[in-house]
């Protein structure tokens, strides 16, 4: 849900309008670029950043049209947004990094990862949270409906925002970005071209009306590397209630992703009984 301020969120570089670093850590071995859901803002990932610090430095993306970018026109084309964001992220690829996108942000993250790979950059992994695979489709047209329909959907998906969405001033402030995001995701069409060659993890809540486990499992079609599916108790915003379990999984997976091949072999050796290494590899 879009916040109304940027308390605790700072830019890692003073001229960067896209990236916020809630807990900057130049010594962190890996960065996690977090992309918000439809209507969401960079501040949504402040709790995740705090939980991952100092092992992982979170870079939270601020889309145009919200919080300190509220006077900019929101982008209502997902491919165009991915073009702009991939270019904005290039200066941040000087350290190992992975991408985490929730809902709308999962598709944005996938398209950004495709563009970064084409430009010669290599994300460690993509974490696609709360979203169907790009190859799946539902005929959804909320972006064409009245504001009340969009607000009703948000209340159904996230019960914690009900009081905020009863405030007319807040609704008026967030509606342009929210409607643009819904238009972008509901009109998105997966384009042919190279998929990913990096590990992809799909993460969902077991009671999420926006994605089934079968739809999430189809993310495996979009990478030639490893794929895994994690299911947490909860709905569309499971990550708010299951933050510790989620961040524990992210730390484990990112720690493995940053190891060299030799280090991965040694790690397996330490955990396998005699003769078990060949089976593990």
C-alpha atoms as a PDB file:
ATOM      1  CA  UNK A   1       0.000   0.000   0.000  1.00  0.00           C
ATOM      2  CA  UNK A   2       1.323   3.420  -0.866  1.00  0.00           C
ATOM      3  CA  UNK A   3       2.643   5.397   2.059  1.00  0.00           C
ATOM      4  CA  UNK A   4       2.432   9.151   2.502  1.00  0.00           C
ATOM      5  CA  UNK A   5       6.033   9.888   3.392  1.00  0.00           C
ATOM      6  CA  UNK A   6       9.571   8.605   3.214  1.00  0.00           C
ATOM      7  CA  UNK A   7      10.483   8.478   6.903  1.00  0.00           C
ATOM      8  CA  UNK A   8      13.564   6.326   7.354  1.00  0.00           C
ATOM      9  CA  UNK A   9      14.138   5.973   3.605  1.00  0.00           C
ATOM     10  CA  UNK A  10      17.238   7.550   2.163  1.00  0.00           C
ATOM     11  CA  UNK A  11      18.752   7.474  -1.282  1.00  0.00           C
ATOM     12  CA  UNK A  12      22.022   5.641  -1.594  1.00  0.00           C
ATOM     13  CA  UNK A  13      23.127   8.252  -4.156  1.00  0.00           C
ATOM     14  CA  UNK A  14      21.878  11.793  -3.948  1.00  0.00           C
ATOM     15  CA  UNK A  15      21.013  12.063  -7.639  1.00  0.00           C
ATOM     16  CA  UNK A  16      19.062   8.789  -7.839  1.00  0.00           C
ATOM     17  CA  UNK A  17      15.295   9.227  -8.023  1.00  0.00           C
ATOM     18  CA  UNK A  18      14.583   5.505  -8.442  1.00  0.00           C
ATOM     19  CA  UNK A  19      16.404   3.826  -5.568  1.00  0.00           C
ATOM     20  CA  UNK A  20      16.020   4.101  -1.789  1.00  0.00           C
ATOM     21  CA  UNK A  21      18.420   2.433   0.655  1.00  0.00           C
ATOM     22  CA  UNK A  22      16.636   2.163   4.025  1.00  0.00           C
ATOM     23  CA  UNK A  23      19.731   0.718   5.764  1.00  0.00           C
ATOM     24  CA  UNK A  24      22.799   1.573   3.641  1.00  0.00           C
ATOM     25  CA  UNK A  25      25.694  -0.837   4.095  1.00  0.00           C
ATOM     26  CA  UNK A  26      28.678  -0.478   1.746  1.00  0.00           C
ATOM     27  CA  UNK A  27      30.195  -3.605   3.283  1.00  0.00           C
ATOM     28  CA  UNK A  28      27.270  -5.896   2.541  1.00  0.00           C
ATOM     29  CA  UNK A  29      28.277  -8.749   0.202  1.00  0.00           C
ATOM     30  CA  UNK A  30      24.982  -8.669  -1.709  1.00  0.00           C
ATOM     31  CA  UNK A  31      22.168  -6.299  -2.584  1.00  0.00           C
ATOM     32  CA  UNK A  32      18.476  -7.149  -2.914  1.00  0.00           C
ATOM     33  CA  UNK A  33      16.533  -4.851  -5.244  1.00  0.00           C
ATOM     34  CA  UNK A  34      12.905  -4.821  -4.045  1.00  0.00           C
ATOM     35  CA  UNK A  35      10.048  -3.859  -6.376  1.00  0.00           C
ATOM     36  CA  UNK A  36       6.661  -2.936  -4.861  1.00  0.00           C
ATOM     37  CA  UNK A  37       3.169  -4.153  -5.697  1.00  0.00           C
ATOM     38  CA  UNK A  38       0.534  -2.139  -7.577  1.00  0.00           C
ATOM     39  CA  UNK A  39      -0.013   1.111  -5.713  1.00  0.00           C
ATOM     40  CA  UNK A  40       3.005   0.355  -3.526  1.00  0.00           C
ATOM     41  CA  UNK A  41       5.997   2.523  -2.717  1.00  0.00           C
ATOM     42  CA  UNK A  42       9.601   2.128  -1.642  1.00  0.00           C
ATOM     43  CA  UNK A  43       8.754   2.474   2.041  1.00  0.00           C
ATOM     44  CA  UNK A  44       6.826  -0.814   1.973  1.00  0.00           C
ATOM     45  CA  UNK A  45      10.115  -2.708   2.185  1.00  0.00           C
ATOM     46  CA  UNK A  46      11.488  -0.888   5.237  1.00  0.00           C
ATOM     47  CA  UNK A  47      10.686  -3.836   7.589  1.00  0.00           C
ATOM     48  CA  UNK A  48      12.285  -6.309   5.190  1.00  0.00           C
ATOM     49  CA  UNK A  49      15.376  -4.130   4.923  1.00  0.00           C
ATOM     50  CA  UNK A  50      15.690  -3.982   8.712  1.00  0.00           C
ATOM     51  CA  UNK A  51      15.312  -7.757   9.002  1.00  0.00           C
ATOM     52  CA  UNK A  52      17.926  -8.478   6.310  1.00  0.00           C
ATOM     53  CA  UNK A  53      20.504  -5.946   7.500  1.00  0.00           C
ATOM     54  CA  UNK A  54      23.474  -6.065   7.747  1.00  0.00           C
ATOM     55  CA  UNK A  55      23.900  -9.295   5.741  1.00  0.00           C
ATOM     56  CA  UNK A  56      21.922  -8.003   2.759  1.00  0.00           C
ATOM     57  CA  UNK A  57      21.597  -4.383   1.657  1.00  0.00           C
ATOM     58  CA  UNK A  58      18.071  -3.713   0.425  1.00  0.00           C
ATOM     59  CA  UNK A  59      17.555  -1.256  -2.423  1.00  0.00           C
ATOM     60  CA  UNK A  60      13.879  -0.354  -2.618  1.00  0.00           C
ATOM     61  CA  UNK A  61      12.500   0.945  -5.897  1.00  0.00           C
ATOM     62  CA  UNK A  62      10.410   4.109  -6.014  1.00  0.00           C
ATOM     63  CA  UNK A  63       8.146   4.105  -9.058  1.00  0.00           C
ATOM     64  CA  UNK A  64       7.080   7.470 -10.533  1.00  0.00           C
ATOM     65  CA  UNK A  65       3.861   8.960  -9.171  1.00  0.00           C
ATOM     66  CA  UNK A  66       4.106   8.210  -5.444  1.00  0.00           C
ATOM     67  CA  UNK A  67       5.566   9.597  -2.240  1.00  0.00           C
ATOM     68  CA  UNK A  68       8.431  11.975  -3.121  1.00  0.00           C
ATOM     69  CA  UNK A  69       7.780  11.288  -6.845  1.00  0.00           C
ATOM     70  CA  UNK A  70       4.034  11.948  -6.583  1.00  0.00           C
ATOM     71  CA  UNK A  71       4.211  14.932  -8.948  1.00  0.00           C
ATOM     72  CA  UNK A  72       5.544  12.741 -11.766  1.00  0.00           C
ATOM     73  CA  UNK A  73       3.236  10.980 -14.175  1.00  0.00           C
ATOM     74  CA  UNK A  74       2.853   7.272 -13.298  1.00  0.00           C
ATOM     75  CA  UNK A  75       3.935   4.771 -15.935  1.00  0.00           C
ATOM     76  CA  UNK A  76       1.041   2.625 -17.167  1.00  0.00           C
ATOM     77  CA  UNK A  77       3.048   0.362 -19.505  1.00  0.00           C
ATOM     78  CA  UNK A  78       5.001  -2.405 -17.772  1.00  0.00           C
ATOM     79  CA  UNK A  79       7.515  -2.840 -20.585  1.00  0.00           C
ATOM     80  CA  UNK A  80       8.270   0.883 -20.631  1.00  0.00           C
ATOM     81  CA  UNK A  81       8.704   0.883 -16.846  1.00  0.00           C
ATOM     82  CA  UNK A  82      11.098  -2.067 -17.115  1.00  0.00           C
ATOM     83  CA  UNK A  83      13.114  -0.214 -19.770  1.00  0.00           C
ATOM     84  CA  UNK A  84      13.474   2.827 -17.528  1.00  0.00           C
ATOM     85  CA  UNK A  85      14.225   0.870 -14.381  1.00  0.00           C
ATOM     86  CA  UNK A  86      16.812  -1.400 -15.989  1.00  0.00           C
ATOM     87  CA  UNK A  87      18.707   1.669 -17.128  1.00  0.00           C
ATOM     88  CA  UNK A  88      18.419   3.247 -13.657  1.00  0.00           C
ATOM     89  CA  UNK A  89      19.772   0.091 -12.003  1.00  0.00           C
ATOM     90  CA  UNK A  90      22.943  -0.194 -14.078  1.00  0.00           C
ATOM     91  CA  UNK A  91      25.029   1.985 -11.701  1.00  0.00           C
ATOM     92  CA  UNK A  92      24.021  -0.346  -8.842  1.00  0.00           C
ATOM     93  CA  UNK A  93      25.345  -3.511 -10.477  1.00  0.00           C
ATOM     94  CA  UNK A  94      28.873  -2.974  -9.142  1.00  0.00           C
ATOM     95  CA  UNK A  95      28.134  -5.505  -6.370  1.00  0.00           C
ATOM     96  CA  UNK A  96      26.375  -8.894  -6.510  1.00  0.00           C
ATOM     97  CA  UNK A  97      22.613  -8.283  -6.553  1.00  0.00           C
ATOM     98  CA  UNK A  98      19.313 -10.120  -6.779  1.00  0.00           C
ATOM     99  CA  UNK A  99      15.753  -8.980  -7.527  1.00  0.00           C
ATOM    100  CA  UNK A 100      12.680  -9.392  -5.316  1.00  0.00           C
ATOM    101  CA  UNK A 101       9.315  -8.300  -6.671  1.00  0.00           C
ATOM    102  CA  UNK A 102       5.937  -8.619  -5.007  1.00  0.00           C
ATOM    103  CA  UNK A 103       2.775  -9.024  -7.114  1.00  0.00           C
ATOM    104  CA  UNK A 104       3.012  -6.393  -9.898  1.00  0.00           C
ATOM    105  CA  UNK A 105       6.649  -5.989  -8.859  1.00  0.00           C
ATOM    106  CA  UNK A 106       7.354  -9.654  -9.652  1.00  0.00           C
ATOM    107  CA  UNK A 107       6.538  -9.106 -13.322  1.00  0.00           C
ATOM    108  CA  UNK A 108       8.502  -5.843 -13.340  1.00  0.00           C
ATOM    109  CA  UNK A 109      11.446  -7.680 -11.777  1.00  0.00           C
ATOM    110  CA  UNK A 110      11.295 -10.414 -14.401  1.00  0.00           C
ATOM    111  CA  UNK A 111      11.296  -7.938 -17.274  1.00  0.00           C
ATOM    112  CA  UNK A 112      14.075  -5.895 -15.656  1.00  0.00           C
ATOM    113  CA  UNK A 113      16.150  -9.064 -15.211  1.00  0.00           C
ATOM    114  CA  UNK A 114      15.724  -9.887 -18.911  1.00  0.00           C
ATOM    115  CA  UNK A 115      16.944  -6.426 -19.880  1.00  0.00           C
ATOM    116  CA  UNK A 116      19.891  -6.470 -17.490  1.00  0.00           C
ATOM    117  CA  UNK A 117      21.005  -9.858 -18.812  1.00  0.00           C
ATOM    118  CA  UNK A 118      20.811  -8.540 -22.375  1.00  0.00           C
ATOM    119  CA  UNK A 119      23.017  -5.625 -21.286  1.00  0.00           C
ATOM    120  CA  UNK A 120      25.626  -7.994 -19.873  1.00  0.00           C
ATOM    121  CA  UNK A 121      24.722  -7.790 -16.189  1.00  0.00           C
ATOM    122  CA  UNK A 122      24.056 -10.928 -14.170  1.00  0.00           C
ATOM    123  CA  UNK A 123      21.550 -10.856 -11.282  1.00  0.00           C
ATOM    124  CA  UNK A 124      22.152 -13.630  -8.784  1.00  0.00           C
ATOM    125  CA  UNK A 125      18.476 -14.617  -8.654  1.00  0.00           C
ATOM    126  CA  UNK A 126      14.883 -13.511  -9.092  1.00  0.00           C
ATOM    127  CA  UNK A 127      12.371 -13.862  -6.262  1.00  0.00           C
ATOM    128  CA  UNK A 128       8.839 -13.639  -7.668  1.00  0.00           C
ATOM    129  CA  UNK A 129       6.392 -13.102  -4.803  1.00  0.00           C
ATOM    130  CA  UNK A 130       2.601 -13.226  -4.920  1.00  0.00           C
ATOM    131  CA  UNK A 131       2.297 -13.350  -8.701  1.00  0.00           C
ATOM    132  CA  UNK A 132       1.398 -15.744 -11.464  1.00  0.00           C
ATOM    133  CA  UNK A 133       4.054 -16.617 -14.018  1.00  0.00           C
ATOM    134  CA  UNK A 134       4.340 -14.346 -17.079  1.00  0.00           C
ATOM    135  CA  UNK A 135       3.067 -17.206 -19.252  1.00  0.00           C
ATOM    136  CA  UNK A 136      -0.267 -17.396 -17.393  1.00  0.00           C
ATOM    137  CA  UNK A 137      -3.260 -15.165 -18.007  1.00  0.00           C
ATOM    138  CA  UNK A 138      -6.444 -14.080 -16.266  1.00  0.00           C
ATOM    139  CA  UNK A 139      -8.875 -11.695 -17.905  1.00  0.00           C
ATOM    140  CA  UNK A 140      -8.780  -8.901 -15.325  1.00  0.00           C
ATOM    141  CA  UNK A 141     -10.062  -5.403 -16.089  1.00  0.00           C
ATOM    142  CA  UNK A 142     -10.162  -3.570 -12.785  1.00  0.00           C
ATOM    143  CA  UNK A 143      -8.272  -0.657 -14.313  1.00  0.00           C
ATOM    144  CA  UNK A 144     -11.404   0.090 -16.371  1.00  0.00           C
ATOM    145  CA  UNK A 145     -13.737   0.123 -13.385  1.00  0.00           C
ATOM    146  CA  UNK A 146     -14.658   2.974 -10.992  1.00  0.00           C
ATOM    147  CA  UNK A 147     -12.360   3.984  -8.145  1.00  0.00           C
ATOM    148  CA  UNK A 148     -14.625   2.208  -5.664  1.00  0.00           C
ATOM    149  CA  UNK A 149     -13.892  -1.142  -7.320  1.00  0.00           C
ATOM    150  CA  UNK A 150     -10.144  -0.649  -6.995  1.00  0.00           C
ATOM    151  CA  UNK A 151     -10.487   0.364  -3.358  1.00  0.00           C
ATOM    152  CA  UNK A 152     -12.679  -2.657  -2.641  1.00  0.00           C
ATOM    153  CA  UNK A 153     -10.051  -4.945  -4.156  1.00  0.00           C
ATOM    154  CA  UNK A 154      -7.303  -3.439  -1.988  1.00  0.00           C
ATOM    155  CA  UNK A 155      -9.384  -3.836   1.147  1.00  0.00           C
ATOM    156  CA  UNK A 156     -10.056  -7.468   0.281  1.00  0.00           C
ATOM    157  CA  UNK A 157      -6.385  -8.227  -0.351  1.00  0.00           C
ATOM    158  CA  UNK A 158      -4.973  -6.303   2.618  1.00  0.00           C
ATOM    159  CA  UNK A 159      -7.211  -5.880   5.638  1.00  0.00           C
ATOM    160  CA  UNK A 160      -4.677  -3.618   7.365  1.00  0.00           C
ATOM    161  CA  UNK A 161      -5.335  -0.675   5.037  1.00  0.00           C
ATOM    162  CA  UNK A 162      -9.095  -0.347   5.535  1.00  0.00           C
ATOM    163  CA  UNK A 163      -9.040   2.793   7.685  1.00  0.00           C
ATOM    164  CA  UNK A 164      -6.589   4.546   5.356  1.00  0.00           C
ATOM    165  CA  UNK A 165      -8.768   3.837   2.352  1.00  0.00           C
ATOM    166  CA  UNK A 166     -11.761   5.402   4.047  1.00  0.00           C
ATOM    167  CA  UNK A 167      -9.910   8.726   3.935  1.00  0.00           C
ATOM    168  CA  UNK A 168     -10.901  10.606   0.765  1.00  0.00           C
ATOM    169  CA  UNK A 169      -7.707  12.682   0.689  1.00  0.00           C
ATOM    170  CA  UNK A 170      -5.506   9.587   0.797  1.00  0.00           C
ATOM    171  CA  UNK A 171      -7.566   7.867  -1.886  1.00  0.00           C
ATOM    172  CA  UNK A 172      -7.326  10.928  -4.141  1.00  0.00           C
ATOM    173  CA  UNK A 173      -3.564  11.010  -3.644  1.00  0.00           C
ATOM    174  CA  UNK A 174      -2.878   7.355  -4.432  1.00  0.00           C
ATOM    175  CA  UNK A 175      -5.483   6.721  -7.130  1.00  0.00           C
ATOM    176  CA  UNK A 176      -3.504   7.950 -10.192  1.00  0.00           C
ATOM    177  CA  UNK A 177      -0.548   5.653  -9.435  1.00  0.00           C
ATOM    178  CA  UNK A 178      -2.791   2.778  -8.389  1.00  0.00           C
ATOM    179  CA  UNK A 179      -4.854   2.918 -11.560  1.00  0.00           C
ATOM    180  CA  UNK A 180      -1.723   3.229 -13.731  1.00  0.00           C
ATOM    181  CA  UNK A 181      -0.186   0.168 -12.074  1.00  0.00           C
ATOM    182  CA  UNK A 182      -3.356  -1.881 -12.544  1.00  0.00           C
ATOM    183  CA  UNK A 183      -3.505  -0.838 -16.183  1.00  0.00           C
ATOM    184  CA  UNK A 184       0.139  -1.820 -16.648  1.00  0.00           C
ATOM    185  CA  UNK A 185      -0.208  -5.265 -15.099  1.00  0.00           C
ATOM    186  CA  UNK A 186      -3.611  -6.106 -16.577  1.00  0.00           C
ATOM    187  CA  UNK A 187      -2.561  -5.170 -20.128  1.00  0.00           C
ATOM    188  CA  UNK A 188       0.855  -6.830 -19.857  1.00  0.00           C
ATOM    189  CA  UNK A 189       1.647  -9.344 -22.586  1.00  0.00           C
ATOM    190  CA  UNK A 190       4.686 -11.569 -22.337  1.00  0.00           C
ATOM    191  CA  UNK A 191       6.888 -10.990 -25.372  1.00  0.00           C
ATOM    192  CA  UNK A 192       8.927 -13.731 -27.063  1.00  0.00           C
ATOM    193  CA  UNK A 193      12.654 -13.607 -26.513  1.00  0.00           C
ATOM    194  CA  UNK A 194      15.379 -14.964 -24.271  1.00  0.00           C
ATOM    195  CA  UNK A 195      14.220 -16.109 -20.878  1.00  0.00           C
ATOM    196  CA  UNK A 196      16.382 -16.096 -17.774  1.00  0.00           C
ATOM    197  CA  UNK A 197      19.412 -18.216 -16.944  1.00  0.00           C
ATOM    198  CA  UNK A 198      19.382 -17.440 -13.218  1.00  0.00           C
ATOM    199  CA  UNK A 199      17.675 -19.198 -10.291  1.00  0.00           C
ATOM    200  CA  UNK A 200      14.022 -18.230  -9.893  1.00  0.00           C
ATOM    201  CA  UNK A 201      12.078 -18.709  -6.669  1.00  0.00           C
ATOM    202  CA  UNK A 202       8.312 -18.228  -6.606  1.00  0.00           C
ATOM    203  CA  UNK A 203       6.874 -17.346  -3.194  1.00  0.00           C
ATOM    204  CA  UNK A 204       3.151 -17.258  -2.425  1.00  0.00           C
ATOM    205  CA  UNK A 205       0.647 -17.347   0.403  1.00  0.00           C
ATOM    206  CA  UNK A 206      -1.484 -20.470   0.582  1.00  0.00           C
ATOM    207  CA  UNK A 207      -4.687 -18.388   0.693  1.00  0.00           C
ATOM    208  CA  UNK A 208      -3.874 -15.844  -2.007  1.00  0.00           C
ATOM    209  CA  UNK A 209      -6.813 -15.256  -4.390  1.00  0.00           C
ATOM    210  CA  UNK A 210      -4.479 -13.708  -6.985  1.00  0.00           C
ATOM    211  CA  UNK A 211      -2.295 -16.768  -7.600  1.00  0.00           C
ATOM    212  CA  UNK A 212      -2.572 -20.532  -7.264  1.00  0.00           C
ATOM    213  CA  UNK A 213       0.328 -22.874  -6.661  1.00  0.00           C
ATOM    214  CA  UNK A 214      -0.141 -24.211 -10.204  1.00  0.00           C
ATOM    215  CA  UNK A 215       0.097 -20.696 -11.667  1.00  0.00           C
ATOM    216  CA  UNK A 216       3.155 -19.928  -9.545  1.00  0.00           C
ATOM    217  CA  UNK A 217       4.823 -23.200 -10.544  1.00  0.00           C
ATOM    218  CA  UNK A 218       4.818 -22.074 -14.160  1.00  0.00           C
ATOM    219  CA  UNK A 219       7.624 -19.632 -13.329  1.00  0.00           C
ATOM    220  CA  UNK A 220       9.856 -22.662 -13.972  1.00  0.00           C
ATOM    221  CA  UNK A 221       9.162 -22.149 -17.688  1.00  0.00           C
ATOM    222  CA  UNK A 222      10.990 -18.830 -17.606  1.00  0.00           C
ATOM    223  CA  UNK A 223      14.466 -19.904 -16.561  1.00  0.00           C
ATOM    224  CA  UNK A 224      16.997 -22.460 -17.703  1.00  0.00           C
ATOM    225  CA  UNK A 225      18.495 -22.449 -14.215  1.00  0.00           C
ATOM    226  CA  UNK A 226      17.102 -23.744 -10.915  1.00  0.00           C
ATOM    227  CA  UNK A 227      13.502 -23.191  -9.889  1.00  0.00           C
ATOM    228  CA  UNK A 228      11.797 -23.568  -6.542  1.00  0.00           C
ATOM    229  CA  UNK A 229       8.383 -22.763  -5.082  1.00  0.00           C
ATOM    230  CA  UNK A 230       7.838 -21.709  -1.465  1.00  0.00           C
ATOM    231  CA  UNK A 231       4.364 -21.534   0.039  1.00  0.00           C
ATOM    232  CA  UNK A 232       3.753 -19.590   3.246  1.00  0.00           C
ATOM    233  CA  UNK A 233       0.630 -19.425   5.400  1.00  0.00           C
ATOM    234  CA  UNK A 234      -1.339 -16.314   4.509  1.00  0.00           C
ATOM    235  CA  UNK A 235      -2.984 -14.328   1.768  1.00  0.00           C
ATOM    236  CA  UNK A 236      -1.737 -11.931  -0.883  1.00  0.00           C
ATOM    237  CA  UNK A 237       0.309  -9.943   1.627  1.00  0.00           C
ATOM    238  CA  UNK A 238       1.632 -12.996   3.472  1.00  0.00           C
ATOM    239  CA  UNK A 239       5.054 -11.333   3.683  1.00  0.00           C
ATOM    240  CA  UNK A 240       3.851  -8.866   6.329  1.00  0.00           C
ATOM    241  CA  UNK A 241       2.897 -11.656   8.745  1.00  0.00           C
ATOM    242  CA  UNK A 242       5.664 -14.074   7.769  1.00  0.00           C
ATOM    243  CA  UNK A 243       8.535 -11.624   7.582  1.00  0.00           C
ATOM    244  CA  UNK A 244      10.966 -13.628   9.706  1.00  0.00           C
ATOM    245  CA  UNK A 245      10.383 -16.864   7.804  1.00  0.00           C
ATOM    246  CA  UNK A 246      10.649 -15.036   4.493  1.00  0.00           C
ATOM    247  CA  UNK A 247      13.837 -13.153   5.301  1.00  0.00           C
ATOM    248  CA  UNK A 248      15.419 -16.291   6.741  1.00  0.00           C
ATOM    249  CA  UNK A 249      14.777 -18.033   3.425  1.00  0.00           C
ATOM    250  CA  UNK A 250      16.126 -15.069   1.458  1.00  0.00           C
ATOM    251  CA  UNK A 251      19.323 -14.953   3.511  1.00  0.00           C
ATOM    252  CA  UNK A 252      19.878 -18.667   3.009  1.00  0.00           C
ATOM    253  CA  UNK A 253      19.293 -18.520  -0.723  1.00  0.00           C
ATOM    254  CA  UNK A 254      21.342 -15.363  -1.242  1.00  0.00           C
ATOM    255  CA  UNK A 255      24.179 -16.778   0.826  1.00  0.00           C
ATOM    256  CA  UNK A 256      24.272 -19.802  -1.439  1.00  0.00           C
ATOM    257  CA  UNK A 257      24.059 -17.684  -4.569  1.00  0.00           C
ATOM    258  CA  UNK A 258      27.148 -15.664  -3.671  1.00  0.00           C
ATOM    259  CA  UNK A 259      29.331 -18.745  -3.106  1.00  0.00           C
ATOM    260  CA  UNK A 260      31.874 -19.784  -5.699  1.00  0.00           C
ATOM    261  CA  UNK A 261      31.549 -23.300  -7.165  1.00  0.00           C
ATOM    262  CA  UNK A 262      34.403 -24.480  -4.923  1.00  0.00           C
ATOM    263  CA  UNK A 263      32.699 -23.042  -1.858  1.00  0.00           C
ATOM    264  CA  UNK A 264      29.433 -24.780  -2.780  1.00  0.00           C
ATOM    265  CA  UNK A 265      31.276 -28.118  -3.018  1.00  0.00           C
ATOM    266  CA  UNK A 266      32.889 -27.588   0.389  1.00  0.00           C
ATOM    267  CA  UNK A 267      29.512 -26.674   1.896  1.00  0.00           C
ATOM    268  CA  UNK A 268      27.999 -29.893   0.559  1.00  0.00           C
ATOM    269  CA  UNK A 269      30.950 -31.896   1.853  1.00  0.00           C
ATOM    270  CA  UNK A 270      30.396 -30.579   5.364  1.00  0.00           C
ATOM    271  CA  UNK A 271      26.757 -31.694   5.377  1.00  0.00           C
ATOM    272  CA  UNK A 272      27.007 -35.050   3.539  1.00  0.00           C
ATOM    273  CA  UNK A 273      27.956 -38.418   5.020  1.00  0.00           C
ATOM    274  CA  UNK A 274      30.874 -40.276   3.471  1.00  0.00           C
ATOM    275  CA  UNK A 275      30.051 -41.196  -0.115  1.00  0.00           C
ATOM    276  CA  UNK A 276      27.134 -38.782  -0.247  1.00  0.00           C
ATOM    277  CA  UNK A 277      28.824 -35.974  -2.143  1.00  0.00           C
ATOM    278  CA  UNK A 278      28.360 -37.539  -5.563  1.00  0.00           C
ATOM    279  CA  UNK A 279      24.650 -38.031  -4.917  1.00  0.00           C
ATOM    280  CA  UNK A 280      24.267 -34.399  -3.743  1.00  0.00           C
ATOM    281  CA  UNK A 281      25.981 -33.020  -6.836  1.00  0.00           C
END
